Amino acid sequence: MSTSQQPDPRDRPARLTVGVVGAGRVGPALAASLQLAGHRPVAVSGVSDASRRRAEQLLPGVPLVQPAEVLQRADLVLLTVPDDALAGLVAGLAETGAVRPGQLLVHTSGRYGAGVLDPALRAGALPLALHPAMTFTGTPVDVQRLAGCSFGVTAPEELRLAAEALVIEMGGEPEWIAEEMRPLYHAALALGANHLVTLVAQSMELLRRAGVGAPDRMLGPLLGAALDNALRSGDAALTGPVARGDAGTVAAHVAELRRHAPQTVAGYPAMARSTAARALAHGLLKPELAEDQLGVLAEGTTGGDGGGPADGGEGHPR
C-alpha cells in the first residue's frame, strides 16, 4: 500500500497549530495540505503583494503577521524562504528569543539538511528538513500535486518518525536523505527539473522559427514518451543522432543553431558530449563514431562552420 494514502483519523497524532514564515509558492500550499489533514493554520508572514495574495487564496482567513509572531502562535512553523536567506532567518529568530522549546521548526530547502536549524535547536526547537521534490505554481493545484510527491527528509534520528509522519499526512512519500548528501540530492533535482524547463523552452522557440504553429502540441507526445522511457530504462532509452553516431547530422544541427539561435550553441554541444559519453559507456555508440562526433562538437564550440549533410540517418526525432 502506498504511504501517500491518508492515515485513518483515529491514528493521527495530536493536531497542531501551523504557521508559515515566507508566503512564497511553497509555504501556503504545504500549510493548506496540512489543514486537509486536520491541522490548523494560524499565522502567515509575507512581504510582497504576490505573497499576500497567495496566502489569502490558499489560506483564507489566516492572519498575516510578522515572523516572530508566527512563531508565537504556532506549534509547527514552516520556514519557506529562499535558500540563501534561511541561515540568517534562523539565526535571527533564535537570537531574538522567538523560538520556543518543543516547537517543530520545518524548513523546505533542498540544499540544507537539519544542520542549518542548529541555532533553533539550541533554543529548544525540534528541527526538520522536509523538501518536496515538486515544482510549485503558487495556486491551489499545488496542493493536489503533493499527492504521491516525494519529499527529501532529514532530521535527527529521534525525530525521523515525526518527520515522515508529517510528509505522509501531506499525501507525500518520505525519502530519507543523509545530512551530508543534501547538496548532491538538490543538485540532482535541479539538473533534471530546472534544466528541463530551459531545454523545452528553447526547443519550442526553435520550432516556432522553423514554422511550426503549435510546438507544444508537437513536443508533448514526444517529450512525454522520452521521459517515460528514460525513467523506465535509463541510458538504454538514449536515441537520436548523437546516440547513433550521426556526426553529419550533429554538424548540421550546430550550423543551424549558430545561424538561427546563437544563444543555444553552447548548450547543444555540452549536452551532446554528455549524451555521447553515456551512449558510449552503455554500448550504444561505437568508439569510432564517437570520435568523429566529438570532433564535430569540438569544432562547433570553437566557431567551425559546422557543415555537413542535412540528414545523417533516419530523418525523424528519436
C-alpha atoms as a PDB file:
ATOM      1  CA  MET A   1       0.000   0.000   0.000  1.00  0.00           C
ATOM      2  CA  SER A   2       1.367   3.466  -0.892  1.00  0.00           C
ATOM      3  CA  THR A   3       2.454   5.559   2.048  1.00  0.00           C
ATOM      4  CA  SER A   4       0.830   8.550   0.327  1.00  0.00           C
ATOM      5  CA  GLN A   5      -2.595   7.283   1.420  1.00  0.00           C
ATOM      6  CA  GLN A   6      -4.111   9.499   4.086  1.00  0.00           C
ATOM      7  CA  PRO A   7      -3.983   7.836   7.509  1.00  0.00           C
ATOM      8  CA  ASP A   8      -7.091   6.929   9.468  1.00  0.00           C
ATOM      9  CA  PRO A   9      -8.096   9.963  11.586  1.00  0.00           C
ATOM     10  CA  ARG A  10      -8.089   7.759  14.694  1.00  0.00           C
ATOM     11  CA  ASP A  11      -4.407   7.038  14.153  1.00  0.00           C
ATOM     12  CA  ARG A  12      -3.366  10.651  13.719  1.00  0.00           C
ATOM     13  CA  PRO A  13      -1.078  12.371  16.231  1.00  0.00           C
ATOM     14  CA  ALA A  14      -2.281  15.446  18.077  1.00  0.00           C
ATOM     15  CA  ARG A  15      -3.429  18.260  15.804  1.00  0.00           C
ATOM     16  CA  LEU A  16      -1.002  21.170  15.557  1.00  0.00           C
ATOM     17  CA  THR A  17      -1.318  24.873  15.001  1.00  0.00           C
ATOM     18  CA  VAL A  18       0.667  25.732  11.861  1.00  0.00           C
ATOM     19  CA  GLY A  19       2.499  28.906  10.913  1.00  0.00           C
ATOM     20  CA  VAL A  20       4.270  29.910   7.699  1.00  0.00           C
ATOM     21  CA  VAL A  21       7.263  32.226   7.505  1.00  0.00           C
ATOM     22  CA  GLY A  22       7.671  33.203   3.872  1.00  0.00           C
ATOM     23  CA  ALA A  23       4.466  33.029   1.826  1.00  0.00           C
ATOM     24  CA  GLY A  24       6.129  32.147  -1.454  1.00  0.00           C
ATOM     25  CA  ARG A  25       4.846  29.391  -3.699  1.00  0.00           C
ATOM     26  CA  VAL A  26       5.669  26.532  -1.322  1.00  0.00           C
ATOM     27  CA  GLY A  27       4.653  27.514   2.203  1.00  0.00           C
ATOM     28  CA  PRO A  28       0.943  28.224   1.722  1.00  0.00           C
ATOM     29  CA  ALA A  29       0.496  25.026  -0.299  1.00  0.00           C
ATOM     30  CA  LEU A  30       2.089  22.886   2.408  1.00  0.00           C
ATOM     31  CA  ALA A  31       0.038  24.604   5.111  1.00  0.00           C
ATOM     32  CA  ALA A  32      -3.142  24.053   3.089  1.00  0.00           C
ATOM     33  CA  SER A  33      -2.226  20.387   2.754  1.00  0.00           C
ATOM     34  CA  LEU A  34      -1.670  20.096   6.500  1.00  0.00           C
ATOM     35  CA  GLN A  35      -5.033  21.769   7.015  1.00  0.00           C
ATOM     36  CA  LEU A  36      -6.667  18.998   4.979  1.00  0.00           C
ATOM     37  CA  ALA A  37      -5.039  16.528   7.378  1.00  0.00           C
ATOM     38  CA  GLY A  38      -6.693  18.251  10.332  1.00  0.00           C
ATOM     39  CA  HIS A  39      -4.014  20.681  11.463  1.00  0.00           C
ATOM     40  CA  ARG A  40      -4.894  24.364  11.895  1.00  0.00           C
ATOM     41  CA  PRO A  41      -3.020  27.181  10.119  1.00  0.00           C
ATOM     42  CA  VAL A  42      -2.971  30.190  12.428  1.00  0.00           C
ATOM     43  CA  ALA A  43      -0.476  32.703  11.039  1.00  0.00           C
ATOM     44  CA  VAL A  44       1.433  33.609   7.876  1.00  0.00           C
ATOM     45  CA  SER A  45       4.133  36.141   7.166  1.00  0.00           C
ATOM     46  CA  GLY A  46       4.657  37.648   3.746  1.00  0.00           C
ATOM     47  CA  VAL A  47       6.155  40.846   2.396  1.00  0.00           C
ATOM     48  CA  SER A  48       5.270  41.205  -1.282  1.00  0.00           C
ATOM     49  CA  ASP A  49       1.797  41.748  -2.674  1.00  0.00           C
ATOM     50  CA  ALA A  50       2.086  38.450  -4.546  1.00  0.00           C
ATOM     51  CA  SER A  51       2.858  36.529  -1.362  1.00  0.00           C
ATOM     52  CA  ARG A  52      -0.083  38.111   0.398  1.00  0.00           C
ATOM     53  CA  ARG A  53      -2.398  37.174  -2.455  1.00  0.00           C
ATOM     54  CA  ARG A  54      -1.141  33.589  -2.361  1.00  0.00           C
ATOM     55  CA  ALA A  55      -1.746  33.403   1.377  1.00  0.00           C
ATOM     56  CA  GLU A  56      -5.275  34.761   1.020  1.00  0.00           C
ATOM     57  CA  GLN A  57      -6.072  32.312  -1.802  1.00  0.00           C
ATOM     58  CA  LEU A  58      -4.685  29.154  -0.196  1.00  0.00           C
ATOM     59  CA  LEU A  59      -5.224  30.021   3.464  1.00  0.00           C
ATOM     60  CA  PRO A  60      -8.283  32.276   3.574  1.00  0.00           C
ATOM     61  CA  GLY A  61      -8.892  33.904   6.924  1.00  0.00           C
ATOM     62  CA  VAL A  62      -5.411  33.168   8.285  1.00  0.00           C
ATOM     63  CA  PRO A  63      -3.899  36.430   9.577  1.00  0.00           C
ATOM     64  CA  LEU A  64      -0.756  37.938   8.082  1.00  0.00           C
ATOM     65  CA  VAL A  65       1.703  38.843  10.842  1.00  0.00           C
ATOM     66  CA  GLN A  66       5.414  39.370  11.438  1.00  0.00           C
ATOM     67  CA  PRO A  67       7.702  36.284  11.526  1.00  0.00           C
ATOM     68  CA  ALA A  68       8.245  36.480  15.288  1.00  0.00           C
ATOM     69  CA  GLU A  69       4.505  36.466  15.885  1.00  0.00           C
ATOM     70  CA  VAL A  70       4.119  33.421  13.603  1.00  0.00           C
ATOM     71  CA  LEU A  71       6.427  31.551  15.973  1.00  0.00           C
ATOM     72  CA  GLN A  72       4.479  32.787  18.995  1.00  0.00           C
ATOM     73  CA  ARG A  73       1.217  31.388  17.627  1.00  0.00           C
ATOM     74  CA  ALA A  74       2.247  28.091  16.039  1.00  0.00           C
ATOM     75  CA  ASP A  75       3.321  24.669  17.285  1.00  0.00           C
ATOM     76  CA  LEU A  76       4.651  23.801  13.819  1.00  0.00           C
ATOM     77  CA  VAL A  77       6.402  26.511  11.805  1.00  0.00           C
ATOM     78  CA  LEU A  78       7.207  26.173   8.106  1.00  0.00           C
ATOM     79  CA  LEU A  79      10.248  28.237   7.101  1.00  0.00           C
ATOM     80  CA  THR A  80       9.733  28.572   3.353  1.00  0.00           C
ATOM     81  CA  VAL A  81      12.166  31.314   2.394  1.00  0.00           C
ATOM     82  CA  PRO A  82      14.869  31.244  -0.330  1.00  0.00           C
ATOM     83  CA  ASP A  83      17.884  29.060   0.427  1.00  0.00           C
ATOM     84  CA  ASP A  84      20.286  31.969   0.784  1.00  0.00           C
ATOM     85  CA  ALA A  85      18.036  33.668   3.340  1.00  0.00           C
ATOM     86  CA  LEU A  86      17.403  30.612   5.510  1.00  0.00           C
ATOM     87  CA  ALA A  87      20.502  30.581   7.734  1.00  0.00           C
ATOM     88  CA  GLY A  88      20.177  34.278   8.570  1.00  0.00           C
ATOM     89  CA  LEU A  89      16.484  33.934   9.331  1.00  0.00           C
ATOM     90  CA  VAL A  90      17.040  31.015  11.705  1.00  0.00           C
ATOM     91  CA  ALA A  91      19.890  32.777  13.488  1.00  0.00           C
ATOM     92  CA  GLY A  92      17.850  35.948  13.872  1.00  0.00           C
ATOM     93  CA  LEU A  93      14.790  34.166  15.230  1.00  0.00           C
ATOM     94  CA  ALA A  94      16.923  32.286  17.744  1.00  0.00           C
ATOM     95  CA  GLU A  95      18.824  35.391  18.861  1.00  0.00           C
ATOM     96  CA  THR A  96      15.639  37.371  19.487  1.00  0.00           C
ATOM     97  CA  GLY A  97      14.089  34.611  21.585  1.00  0.00           C
ATOM     98  CA  ALA A  98      11.270  33.932  19.125  1.00  0.00           C
ATOM     99  CA  VAL A  99      11.916  30.184  19.125  1.00  0.00           C
ATOM    100  CA  ARG A 100      10.032  28.209  21.788  1.00  0.00           C
ATOM    101  CA  PRO A 101      11.242  24.941  23.349  1.00  0.00           C
ATOM    102  CA  GLY A 102       9.415  21.951  21.877  1.00  0.00           C
ATOM    103  CA  GLN A 103       8.353  23.855  18.777  1.00  0.00           C
ATOM    104  CA  LEU A 104       8.578  21.968  15.474  1.00  0.00           C
ATOM    105  CA  LEU A 105      10.626  24.051  13.054  1.00  0.00           C
ATOM    106  CA  VAL A 106      10.485  22.800   9.459  1.00  0.00           C
ATOM    107  CA  HIS A 107      12.384  24.191   6.501  1.00  0.00           C
ATOM    108  CA  THR A 108      11.767  23.190   2.881  1.00  0.00           C
ATOM    109  CA  SER A 109      15.173  23.912   1.349  1.00  0.00           C
ATOM    110  CA  GLY A 110      16.585  21.149  -0.801  1.00  0.00           C
ATOM    111  CA  ARG A 111      20.137  22.346  -0.271  1.00  0.00           C
ATOM    112  CA  TYR A 112      20.204  22.140   3.510  1.00  0.00           C
ATOM    113  CA  GLY A 113      19.632  19.351   5.978  1.00  0.00           C
ATOM    114  CA  ALA A 114      18.713  19.836   9.615  1.00  0.00           C
ATOM    115  CA  GLY A 115      22.070  21.406  10.487  1.00  0.00           C
ATOM    116  CA  VAL A 116      21.046  24.862   9.277  1.00  0.00           C
ATOM    117  CA  LEU A 117      18.496  24.842  12.116  1.00  0.00           C
ATOM    118  CA  ASP A 118      21.155  24.351  14.819  1.00  0.00           C
ATOM    119  CA  PRO A 119      20.631  27.839  16.350  1.00  0.00           C
ATOM    120  CA  ALA A 120      16.948  26.956  16.832  1.00  0.00           C
ATOM    121  CA  LEU A 121      17.869  23.509  18.126  1.00  0.00           C
ATOM    122  CA  ARG A 122      19.992  25.135  20.831  1.00  0.00           C
ATOM    123  CA  ALA A 123      16.939  27.211  21.749  1.00  0.00           C
ATOM    124  CA  GLY A 124      14.936  24.017  22.257  1.00  0.00           C
ATOM    125  CA  ALA A 125      13.207  23.670  18.866  1.00  0.00           C
ATOM    126  CA  LEU A 126      12.722  20.353  17.071  1.00  0.00           C
ATOM    127  CA  PRO A 127      14.413  20.689  13.649  1.00  0.00           C
ATOM    128  CA  LEU A 128      13.095  19.017  10.488  1.00  0.00           C
ATOM    129  CA  ALA A 129      14.112  19.371   6.827  1.00  0.00           C
ATOM    130  CA  LEU A 130      11.227  18.400   4.522  1.00  0.00           C
ATOM    131  CA  HIS A 131      11.858  19.225   0.873  1.00  0.00           C
ATOM    132  CA  PRO A 132       9.080  18.453  -1.625  1.00  0.00           C
ATOM    133  CA  ALA A 133      10.523  17.249  -4.932  1.00  0.00           C
ATOM    134  CA  MET A 134       7.948  19.220  -6.892  1.00  0.00           C
ATOM    135  CA  THR A 135       7.698  22.427  -8.851  1.00  0.00           C
ATOM    136  CA  PHE A 136       5.171  24.916  -7.464  1.00  0.00           C
ATOM    137  CA  THR A 137       2.922  27.454  -9.174  1.00  0.00           C
ATOM    138  CA  GLY A 138       1.557  29.306  -6.141  1.00  0.00           C
ATOM    139  CA  THR A 139      -2.003  28.167  -6.925  1.00  0.00           C
ATOM    140  CA  PRO A 140      -4.368  25.566  -5.429  1.00  0.00           C
ATOM    141  CA  VAL A 141      -3.218  22.974  -7.989  1.00  0.00           C
ATOM    142  CA  ASP A 142      -0.041  22.621  -5.910  1.00  0.00           C
ATOM    143  CA  VAL A 143      -1.979  21.012  -3.074  1.00  0.00           C
ATOM    144  CA  GLN A 144      -3.258  18.334  -5.458  1.00  0.00           C
ATOM    145  CA  ARG A 145       0.229  17.712  -6.832  1.00  0.00           C
ATOM    146  CA  LEU A 146       1.545  16.875  -3.379  1.00  0.00           C
ATOM    147  CA  ALA A 147      -0.343  13.562  -3.530  1.00  0.00           C
ATOM    148  CA  GLY A 148       2.366  10.986  -4.144  1.00  0.00           C
ATOM    149  CA  CYS A 149       5.113  13.627  -4.261  1.00  0.00           C
ATOM    150  CA  SER A 150       8.470  12.505  -2.849  1.00  0.00           C
ATOM    151  CA  PHE A 151       9.929  14.572  -0.004  1.00  0.00           C
ATOM    152  CA  GLY A 152      13.617  14.630   0.872  1.00  0.00           C
ATOM    153  CA  VAL A 153      13.570  14.128   4.664  1.00  0.00           C
ATOM    154  CA  THR A 154      16.461  14.926   7.012  1.00  0.00           C
ATOM    155  CA  ALA A 155      16.151  15.184  10.782  1.00  0.00           C
ATOM    156  CA  PRO A 156      17.789  13.971  13.991  1.00  0.00           C
ATOM    157  CA  GLU A 157      17.234  10.238  14.310  1.00  0.00           C
ATOM    158  CA  GLU A 158      14.848  10.665  17.236  1.00  0.00           C
ATOM    159  CA  LEU A 159      12.619  12.890  15.079  1.00  0.00           C
ATOM    160  CA  ARG A 160      12.703  10.749  11.964  1.00  0.00           C
ATOM    161  CA  LEU A 161       9.310   9.143  12.537  1.00  0.00           C
ATOM    162  CA  ALA A 162       7.695  12.517  13.270  1.00  0.00           C
ATOM    163  CA  ALA A 163       9.152  13.990  10.085  1.00  0.00           C
ATOM    164  CA  GLU A 164       7.990  11.075   7.969  1.00  0.00           C
ATOM    165  CA  ALA A 165       4.524  11.191   9.548  1.00  0.00           C
ATOM    166  CA  LEU A 166       4.105  14.846   8.563  1.00  0.00           C
ATOM    167  CA  VAL A 167       5.069  14.053   4.983  1.00  0.00           C
ATOM    168  CA  ILE A 168       2.566  11.206   4.838  1.00  0.00           C
ATOM    169  CA  GLU A 169      -0.152  13.481   6.243  1.00  0.00           C
ATOM    170  CA  MET A 170       0.519  15.871   3.357  1.00  0.00           C
ATOM    171  CA  GLY A 171      -0.003  12.973   0.959  1.00  0.00           C
ATOM    172  CA  GLY A 172       3.706  12.669   0.198  1.00  0.00           C
ATOM    173  CA  GLU A 173       6.262   9.873   0.096  1.00  0.00           C
ATOM    174  CA  PRO A 174       9.164  10.335   2.560  1.00  0.00           C
ATOM    175  CA  GLU A 175      12.645   9.615   1.230  1.00  0.00           C
ATOM    176  CA  TRP A 176      15.436   9.746   3.829  1.00  0.00           C
ATOM    177  CA  ILE A 177      18.452  11.874   2.781  1.00  0.00           C
ATOM    178  CA  ALA A 178      21.603  11.933   4.912  1.00  0.00           C
ATOM    179  CA  GLU A 179      22.704  15.385   6.096  1.00  0.00           C
ATOM    180  CA  GLU A 180      25.939  15.351   4.094  1.00  0.00           C
ATOM    181  CA  MET A 181      24.123  14.247   0.915  1.00  0.00           C
ATOM    182  CA  ARG A 182      21.665  17.151   0.775  1.00  0.00           C
ATOM    183  CA  PRO A 183      23.677  19.319  -1.678  1.00  0.00           C
ATOM    184  CA  LEU A 184      24.132  16.387  -4.080  1.00  0.00           C
ATOM    185  CA  TYR A 185      20.447  15.454  -3.744  1.00  0.00           C
ATOM    186  CA  HIS A 186      19.431  19.016  -4.549  1.00  0.00           C
ATOM    187  CA  ALA A 187      21.849  19.290  -7.478  1.00  0.00           C
ATOM    188  CA  ALA A 188      20.310  16.133  -8.964  1.00  0.00           C
ATOM    189  CA  LEU A 189      16.806  17.582  -8.795  1.00  0.00           C
ATOM    190  CA  ALA A 190      17.898  20.940 -10.212  1.00  0.00           C
ATOM    191  CA  LEU A 191      19.746  19.223 -13.058  1.00  0.00           C
ATOM    192  CA  GLY A 192      16.609  17.330 -14.045  1.00  0.00           C
ATOM    193  CA  ALA A 193      13.772  19.751 -13.349  1.00  0.00           C
ATOM    194  CA  ASN A 194      15.255  23.225 -13.797  1.00  0.00           C
ATOM    195  CA  HIS A 195      17.287  22.417 -16.904  1.00  0.00           C
ATOM    196  CA  LEU A 196      14.363  20.541 -18.402  1.00  0.00           C
ATOM    197  CA  VAL A 197      12.342  23.763 -18.459  1.00  0.00           C
ATOM    198  CA  THR A 198      15.192  25.563 -20.238  1.00  0.00           C
ATOM    199  CA  LEU A 199      15.574  22.772 -22.802  1.00  0.00           C
ATOM    200  CA  VAL A 200      11.850  22.598 -23.535  1.00  0.00           C
ATOM    201  CA  ALA A 201      11.549  26.375 -23.836  1.00  0.00           C
ATOM    202  CA  GLN A 202      14.487  26.500 -26.248  1.00  0.00           C
ATOM    203  CA  SER A 203      13.058  23.648 -28.309  1.00  0.00           C
ATOM    204  CA  MET A 204       9.695  25.420 -28.559  1.00  0.00           C
ATOM    205  CA  GLU A 205      11.386  28.648 -29.710  1.00  0.00           C
ATOM    206  CA  LEU A 206      13.335  26.804 -32.402  1.00  0.00           C
ATOM    207  CA  LEU A 207      10.227  25.020 -33.665  1.00  0.00           C
ATOM    208  CA  ARG A 208       8.393  28.351 -33.954  1.00  0.00           C
ATOM    209  CA  ARG A 209      11.296  29.716 -36.030  1.00  0.00           C
ATOM    210  CA  ALA A 210      11.074  26.599 -38.192  1.00  0.00           C
ATOM    211  CA  GLY A 211       7.427  27.425 -38.891  1.00  0.00           C
ATOM    212  CA  VAL A 212       5.672  25.034 -36.513  1.00  0.00           C
ATOM    213  CA  GLY A 213       2.371  26.587 -35.455  1.00  0.00           C
ATOM    214  CA  ALA A 214       1.822  24.562 -32.290  1.00  0.00           C
ATOM    215  CA  PRO A 215       5.206  23.487 -30.896  1.00  0.00           C
ATOM    216  CA  ASP A 216       3.675  22.486 -27.572  1.00  0.00           C
ATOM    217  CA  ARG A 217       1.360  20.032 -29.318  1.00  0.00           C
ATOM    218  CA  MET A 218       4.247  18.613 -31.322  1.00  0.00           C
ATOM    219  CA  LEU A 219       6.583  18.257 -28.343  1.00  0.00           C
ATOM    220  CA  GLY A 220       4.064  16.963 -25.814  1.00  0.00           C
ATOM    221  CA  PRO A 221       3.809  13.354 -27.023  1.00  0.00           C
ATOM    222  CA  LEU A 222       7.498  13.171 -27.973  1.00  0.00           C
ATOM    223  CA  LEU A 223       8.829  14.502 -24.679  1.00  0.00           C
ATOM    224  CA  GLY A 224       6.275  12.549 -22.662  1.00  0.00           C
ATOM    225  CA  ALA A 225       7.441   9.322 -24.305  1.00  0.00           C
ATOM    226  CA  ALA A 226      11.110  10.255 -23.876  1.00  0.00           C
ATOM    227  CA  LEU A 227      10.625  10.978 -20.177  1.00  0.00           C
ATOM    228  CA  ASP A 228       8.707   7.764 -19.635  1.00  0.00           C
ATOM    229  CA  ASN A 229      11.376   5.746 -21.464  1.00  0.00           C
ATOM    230  CA  ALA A 230      14.187   7.411 -19.519  1.00  0.00           C
ATOM    231  CA  LEU A 231      12.528   6.736 -16.158  1.00  0.00           C
ATOM    232  CA  ARG A 232      11.889   3.119 -17.108  1.00  0.00           C
ATOM    233  CA  SER A 233      15.119   2.259 -18.907  1.00  0.00           C
ATOM    234  CA  GLY A 234      17.779   4.841 -18.038  1.00  0.00           C
ATOM    235  CA  ASP A 235      20.631   5.046 -20.565  1.00  0.00           C
ATOM    236  CA  ALA A 236      19.071   2.256 -22.646  1.00  0.00           C
ATOM    237  CA  ALA A 237      16.472   4.851 -23.725  1.00  0.00           C
ATOM    238  CA  LEU A 238      19.103   7.044 -25.422  1.00  0.00           C
ATOM    239  CA  THR A 239      18.338   7.577 -29.109  1.00  0.00           C
ATOM    240  CA  GLY A 240      18.664  10.190 -31.825  1.00  0.00           C
ATOM    241  CA  PRO A 241      21.649  11.279 -33.947  1.00  0.00           C
ATOM    242  CA  VAL A 242      24.083  11.677 -31.045  1.00  0.00           C
ATOM    243  CA  ALA A 243      23.444   8.197 -29.650  1.00  0.00           C
ATOM    244  CA  ARG A 244      23.562   6.738 -33.195  1.00  0.00           C
ATOM    245  CA  GLY A 245      26.833   8.473 -34.031  1.00  0.00           C
ATOM    246  CA  ASP A 246      25.456  10.509 -36.959  1.00  0.00           C
ATOM    247  CA  ALA A 247      28.199  13.134 -36.961  1.00  0.00           C
ATOM    248  CA  GLY A 248      26.942  14.762 -40.146  1.00  0.00           C
ATOM    249  CA  THR A 249      23.513  15.413 -38.647  1.00  0.00           C
ATOM    250  CA  VAL A 250      25.053  16.793 -35.478  1.00  0.00           C
ATOM    251  CA  ALA A 251      27.258  19.115 -37.556  1.00  0.00           C
ATOM    252  CA  ALA A 252      24.191  20.342 -39.433  1.00  0.00           C
ATOM    253  CA  HIS A 253      22.404  20.977 -36.145  1.00  0.00           C
ATOM    254  CA  VAL A 254      25.282  23.083 -34.835  1.00  0.00           C
ATOM    255  CA  ALA A 255      25.416  25.084 -38.068  1.00  0.00           C
ATOM    256  CA  GLU A 256      21.685  25.801 -37.994  1.00  0.00           C
ATOM    257  CA  LEU A 257      21.746  26.777 -34.338  1.00  0.00           C
ATOM    258  CA  ARG A 258      24.623  29.167 -34.981  1.00  0.00           C
ATOM    259  CA  ARG A 259      22.681  30.706 -37.850  1.00  0.00           C
ATOM    260  CA  HIS A 260      19.253  30.986 -36.214  1.00  0.00           C
ATOM    261  CA  ALA A 261      19.746  30.804 -32.429  1.00  0.00           C
ATOM    262  CA  PRO A 262      23.360  31.501 -31.437  1.00  0.00           C
ATOM    263  CA  GLN A 263      22.378  31.661 -27.766  1.00  0.00           C
ATOM    264  CA  THR A 264      21.794  27.905 -27.845  1.00  0.00           C
ATOM    265  CA  VAL A 265      25.120  26.951 -29.444  1.00  0.00           C
ATOM    266  CA  ALA A 266      26.979  26.490 -26.160  1.00  0.00           C
ATOM    267  CA  GLY A 267      24.301  24.269 -24.656  1.00  0.00           C
ATOM    268  CA  TYR A 268      23.825  21.871 -27.578  1.00  0.00           C
ATOM    269  CA  PRO A 269      27.454  20.605 -27.764  1.00  0.00           C
ATOM    270  CA  ALA A 270      27.670  20.326 -23.978  1.00  0.00           C
ATOM    271  CA  MET A 271      24.572  18.139 -23.800  1.00  0.00           C
ATOM    272  CA  ALA A 272      25.595  16.212 -26.932  1.00  0.00           C
ATOM    273  CA  ARG A 273      29.008  15.379 -25.454  1.00  0.00           C
ATOM    274  CA  SER A 274      27.374  14.151 -22.262  1.00  0.00           C
ATOM    275  CA  THR A 275      24.883  12.087 -24.281  1.00  0.00           C
ATOM    276  CA  ALA A 276      27.669  10.620 -26.404  1.00  0.00           C
ATOM    277  CA  ALA A 277      29.664   9.652 -23.325  1.00  0.00           C
ATOM    278  CA  ARG A 278      26.676   7.864 -21.798  1.00  0.00           C
ATOM    279  CA  ALA A 279      25.816   6.131 -25.074  1.00  0.00           C
ATOM    280  CA  LEU A 280      29.431   5.005 -25.448  1.00  0.00           C
ATOM    281  CA  ALA A 281      29.591   3.679 -21.882  1.00  0.00           C
ATOM    282  CA  HIS A 282      26.307   1.818 -22.397  1.00  0.00           C
ATOM    283  CA  GLY A 283      27.487   0.187 -25.617  1.00  0.00           C
ATOM    284  CA  LEU A 284      25.010   2.050 -27.828  1.00  0.00           C
ATOM    285  CA  LEU A 285      27.636   4.132 -29.644  1.00  0.00           C
ATOM    286  CA  LYS A 286      30.667   2.666 -31.422  1.00  0.00           C
ATOM    287  CA  PRO A 287      34.013   4.198 -30.343  1.00  0.00           C
ATOM    288  CA  GLU A 288      34.998   5.219 -33.893  1.00  0.00           C
ATOM    289  CA  LEU A 289      31.672   7.024 -34.387  1.00  0.00           C
ATOM    290  CA  ALA A 290      32.028   8.698 -31.024  1.00  0.00           C
ATOM    291  CA  GLU A 291      35.451  10.022 -32.047  1.00  0.00           C
ATOM    292  CA  ASP A 292      34.065  11.564 -35.250  1.00  0.00           C
ATOM    293  CA  GLN A 293      31.182  13.085 -33.365  1.00  0.00           C
ATOM    294  CA  LEU A 294      33.319  14.583 -30.616  1.00  0.00           C
ATOM    295  CA  GLY A 295      35.476  16.180 -33.304  1.00  0.00           C
ATOM    296  CA  VAL A 296      32.414  17.822 -34.833  1.00  0.00           C
ATOM    297  CA  LEU A 297      31.291  19.062 -31.433  1.00  0.00           C
ATOM    298  CA  ALA A 298      34.726  20.497 -30.697  1.00  0.00           C
ATOM    299  CA  GLU A 299      34.546  22.455 -33.976  1.00  0.00           C
ATOM    300  CA  GLY A 300      31.071  23.622 -33.034  1.00  0.00           C
ATOM    301  CA  THR A 301      32.250  25.195 -29.784  1.00  0.00           C
ATOM    302  CA  THR A 302      35.330  26.825 -31.365  1.00  0.00           C
ATOM    303  CA  GLY A 303      33.470  28.521 -34.193  1.00  0.00           C
ATOM    304  CA  GLY A 304      33.889  25.968 -37.006  1.00  0.00           C
ATOM    305  CA  ASP A 305      31.485  26.104 -39.908  1.00  0.00           C
ATOM    306  CA  GLY A 306      29.567  23.090 -38.621  1.00  0.00           C
ATOM    307  CA  GLY A 307      28.979  21.997 -42.189  1.00  0.00           C
ATOM    308  CA  GLY A 308      27.745  18.558 -43.060  1.00  0.00           C
ATOM    309  CA  PRO A 309      24.913  16.700 -44.690  1.00  0.00           C
ATOM    310  CA  ALA A 310      21.451  17.813 -43.714  1.00  0.00           C
ATOM    311  CA  ASP A 311      20.425  14.345 -42.662  1.00  0.00           C
ATOM    312  CA  GLY A 312      22.639  11.725 -41.110  1.00  0.00           C
ATOM    313  CA  GLY A 313      20.178   8.894 -40.607  1.00  0.00           C
ATOM    314  CA  GLU A 314      16.542   8.146 -40.304  1.00  0.00           C
ATOM    315  CA  GLY A 315      15.245  11.679 -40.533  1.00  0.00           C
ATOM    316  CA  HIS A 316      12.892  11.770 -37.560  1.00  0.00           C
ATOM    317  CA  PRO A 317      13.309  12.810 -33.914  1.00  0.00           C
ATOM    318  CA  ARG A 318      14.137   9.925 -31.648  1.00  0.00           C
END
